[in-house]
Each structure stands twice: as C-alpha cells, then as structure tokens.
Amino acid sequence: MKSVKELDFFKNIREIREYEFGIFYFFDGLIISEMNEGETFDWSIAEKIIDAAYEILGEEKPIAYISNRSTTIPWCLRIG
C-alpha cells in the first residue's frame, strides 16, 4: 500500500497533523490516518482526531475516516 503522500489525491490536502501515535491527513469530508506500528486506536486518540476534524473541517458536514495501512502490521480499535 502506498503512503497518502504518494497518491494523486494528495493535491487536495487541507492539513496534515502529526501525533505521537500516527499521521492524519485532512481532506474535504475525509480523514486518512497512517498509524504508527504497535499503536491501538482507542477513544483517547479518537477524541483528539474528532477535535482536530471539527477545527479543520467544521461540524456541518459528514466526515469519512480511512485507516491507510501502508505496512502489513495489524491494528485494532478498542472502545472503552
């Protein structure tokens, strides 16, 4: 899998946010993440990304989220 930066779609980027747990790319109506190896996407991370999404993209329109697994490492979503 390619990194988001290698895609033609990257020209539509609104903002990039780098966190200790991964990189998040914000486009109109879309967020694509590239999580760091060994990270678990839990609610504390989700809250940070939701806050960033509202700040960058606003709260008026729906937003889709894609996890771009550019490596073959497994990840999991843990809520609670």
C-alpha atoms as a PDB file:
ATOM      1  CA  MET A   1       0.000   0.000   0.000  1.00  0.00           C
ATOM      2  CA  LYS A   2       1.253   3.476  -0.848  1.00  0.00           C
ATOM      3  CA  SER A   3       1.576   6.302   1.632  1.00  0.00           C
ATOM      4  CA  VAL A   4      -1.053   9.024   1.324  1.00  0.00           C
ATOM      5  CA  LYS A   5       1.661  11.445   0.215  1.00  0.00           C
ATOM      6  CA  GLU A   6       2.275   9.267  -2.868  1.00  0.00           C
ATOM      7  CA  LEU A   7      -1.336   9.403  -4.103  1.00  0.00           C
ATOM      8  CA  ASP A   8      -2.569  11.812  -6.781  1.00  0.00           C
ATOM      9  CA  PHE A   9      -5.403  12.673  -4.389  1.00  0.00           C
ATOM     10  CA  PHE A  10      -2.826  14.257  -2.053  1.00  0.00           C
ATOM     11  CA  LYS A  11      -3.052  17.510  -4.045  1.00  0.00           C
ATOM     12  CA  ASN A  12      -6.459  18.029  -2.353  1.00  0.00           C
ATOM     13  CA  ILE A  13      -4.998  18.059   1.176  1.00  0.00           C
ATOM     14  CA  ARG A  14      -6.338  20.625   3.634  1.00  0.00           C
ATOM     15  CA  GLU A  15      -3.990  19.897   6.529  1.00  0.00           C
ATOM     16  CA  ILE A  16      -1.629  17.294   7.987  1.00  0.00           C
ATOM     17  CA  ARG A  17      -1.443  16.619  11.721  1.00  0.00           C
ATOM     18  CA  GLU A  18       1.353  14.528  13.177  1.00  0.00           C
ATOM     19  CA  TYR A  19       0.858  12.942  16.585  1.00  0.00           C
ATOM     20  CA  GLU A  20       2.942  10.552  18.673  1.00  0.00           C
ATOM     21  CA  PHE A  21       0.595   7.747  17.537  1.00  0.00           C
ATOM     22  CA  GLY A  22       0.490   8.498  13.786  1.00  0.00           C
ATOM     23  CA  ILE A  23      -0.091  10.953  10.954  1.00  0.00           C
ATOM     24  CA  PHE A  24      -3.559  12.194   9.984  1.00  0.00           C
ATOM     25  CA  TYR A  25      -4.360  13.752   6.606  1.00  0.00           C
ATOM     26  CA  PHE A  26      -7.417  16.004   6.421  1.00  0.00           C
ATOM     27  CA  PHE A  27      -9.273  16.469   3.133  1.00  0.00           C
ATOM     28  CA  ASP A  28     -12.731  17.945   2.500  1.00  0.00           C
ATOM     29  CA  GLY A  29     -15.071  15.374   4.052  1.00  0.00           C
ATOM     30  CA  LEU A  30     -12.309  12.797   4.589  1.00  0.00           C
ATOM     31  CA  ILE A  31      -9.616  11.893   7.107  1.00  0.00           C
ATOM     32  CA  ILE A  32      -6.939   9.319   6.276  1.00  0.00           C
ATOM     33  CA  SER A  33      -4.656   8.018   9.008  1.00  0.00           C
ATOM     34  CA  GLU A  34      -1.346   6.224   8.972  1.00  0.00           C
ATOM     35  CA  MET A  35      -0.952   4.838  12.495  1.00  0.00           C
ATOM     36  CA  ASN A  36       2.459   4.028  13.930  1.00  0.00           C
ATOM     37  CA  GLU A  37       3.414   0.409  14.428  1.00  0.00           C
ATOM     38  CA  GLY A  38       2.119  -1.008  17.705  1.00  0.00           C
ATOM     39  CA  GLU A  39      -0.468   1.724  18.329  1.00  0.00           C
ATOM     40  CA  THR A  40      -4.023   0.926  19.354  1.00  0.00           C
ATOM     41  CA  PHE A  41      -6.668   3.359  18.114  1.00  0.00           C
ATOM     42  CA  ASP A  42      -8.647   3.902  21.298  1.00  0.00           C
ATOM     43  CA  TRP A  43     -11.146   6.507  22.474  1.00  0.00           C
ATOM     44  CA  SER A  44      -8.471   8.920  23.764  1.00  0.00           C
ATOM     45  CA  ILE A  45      -6.955   9.050  20.273  1.00  0.00           C
ATOM     46  CA  ALA A  46     -10.372   9.276  18.621  1.00  0.00           C
ATOM     47  CA  GLU A  47     -11.265  12.312  20.748  1.00  0.00           C
ATOM     48  CA  LYS A  48      -8.113  14.143  19.622  1.00  0.00           C
ATOM     49  CA  ILE A  49      -8.859  13.414  15.975  1.00  0.00           C
ATOM     50  CA  ILE A  50     -12.523  14.401  16.289  1.00  0.00           C
ATOM     51  CA  ASP A  51     -11.500  17.722  17.868  1.00  0.00           C
ATOM     52  CA  ALA A  52      -8.967  18.317  15.084  1.00  0.00           C
ATOM     53  CA  ALA A  53     -11.543  17.412  12.420  1.00  0.00           C
ATOM     54  CA  TYR A  54     -14.056  19.903  13.812  1.00  0.00           C
ATOM     55  CA  GLU A  55     -11.350  22.583  13.948  1.00  0.00           C
ATOM     56  CA  ILE A  56     -10.113  21.963  10.398  1.00  0.00           C
ATOM     57  CA  LEU A  57     -13.250  20.816   8.557  1.00  0.00           C
ATOM     58  CA  GLY A  58     -16.106  22.173  10.671  1.00  0.00           C
ATOM     59  CA  GLU A  59     -19.043  20.379  12.240  1.00  0.00           C
ATOM     60  CA  GLU A  60     -21.621  20.977   9.492  1.00  0.00           C
ATOM     61  CA  LYS A  61     -20.806  18.151   7.044  1.00  0.00           C
ATOM     62  CA  PRO A  62     -20.311  14.414   7.465  1.00  0.00           C
ATOM     63  CA  ILE A  63     -16.726  13.158   7.530  1.00  0.00           C
ATOM     64  CA  ALA A  64     -15.446   9.739   6.440  1.00  0.00           C
ATOM     65  CA  TYR A  65     -12.426   8.060   8.039  1.00  0.00           C
ATOM     66  CA  ILE A  66      -9.998   5.651   6.369  1.00  0.00           C
ATOM     67  CA  SER A  67      -7.053   3.933   8.017  1.00  0.00           C
ATOM     68  CA  ASN A  68      -4.299   3.576   5.424  1.00  0.00           C
ATOM     69  CA  ARG A  69      -2.278   0.568   6.448  1.00  0.00           C
ATOM     70  CA  SER A  70       0.897   1.254   4.486  1.00  0.00           C
ATOM     71  CA  THR A  71       2.616  -1.658   6.234  1.00  0.00           C
ATOM     72  CA  THR A  72       1.429  -5.169   6.970  1.00  0.00           C
ATOM     73  CA  ILE A  73       1.182  -4.639  10.729  1.00  0.00           C
ATOM     74  CA  PRO A  74      -2.167  -5.415  12.370  1.00  0.00           C
ATOM     75  CA  TRP A  75      -4.016  -2.776  14.415  1.00  0.00           C
ATOM     76  CA  CYS A  76      -7.175  -2.814  16.428  1.00  0.00           C
ATOM     77  CA  LEU A  77      -9.840  -0.385  17.571  1.00  0.00           C
ATOM     78  CA  ARG A  78     -10.575  -0.535  21.275  1.00  0.00           C
ATOM     79  CA  ILE A  79     -13.512   1.403  22.714  1.00  0.00           C
ATOM     80  CA  GLY A  80     -13.977   1.671  26.436  1.00  0.00           C
END
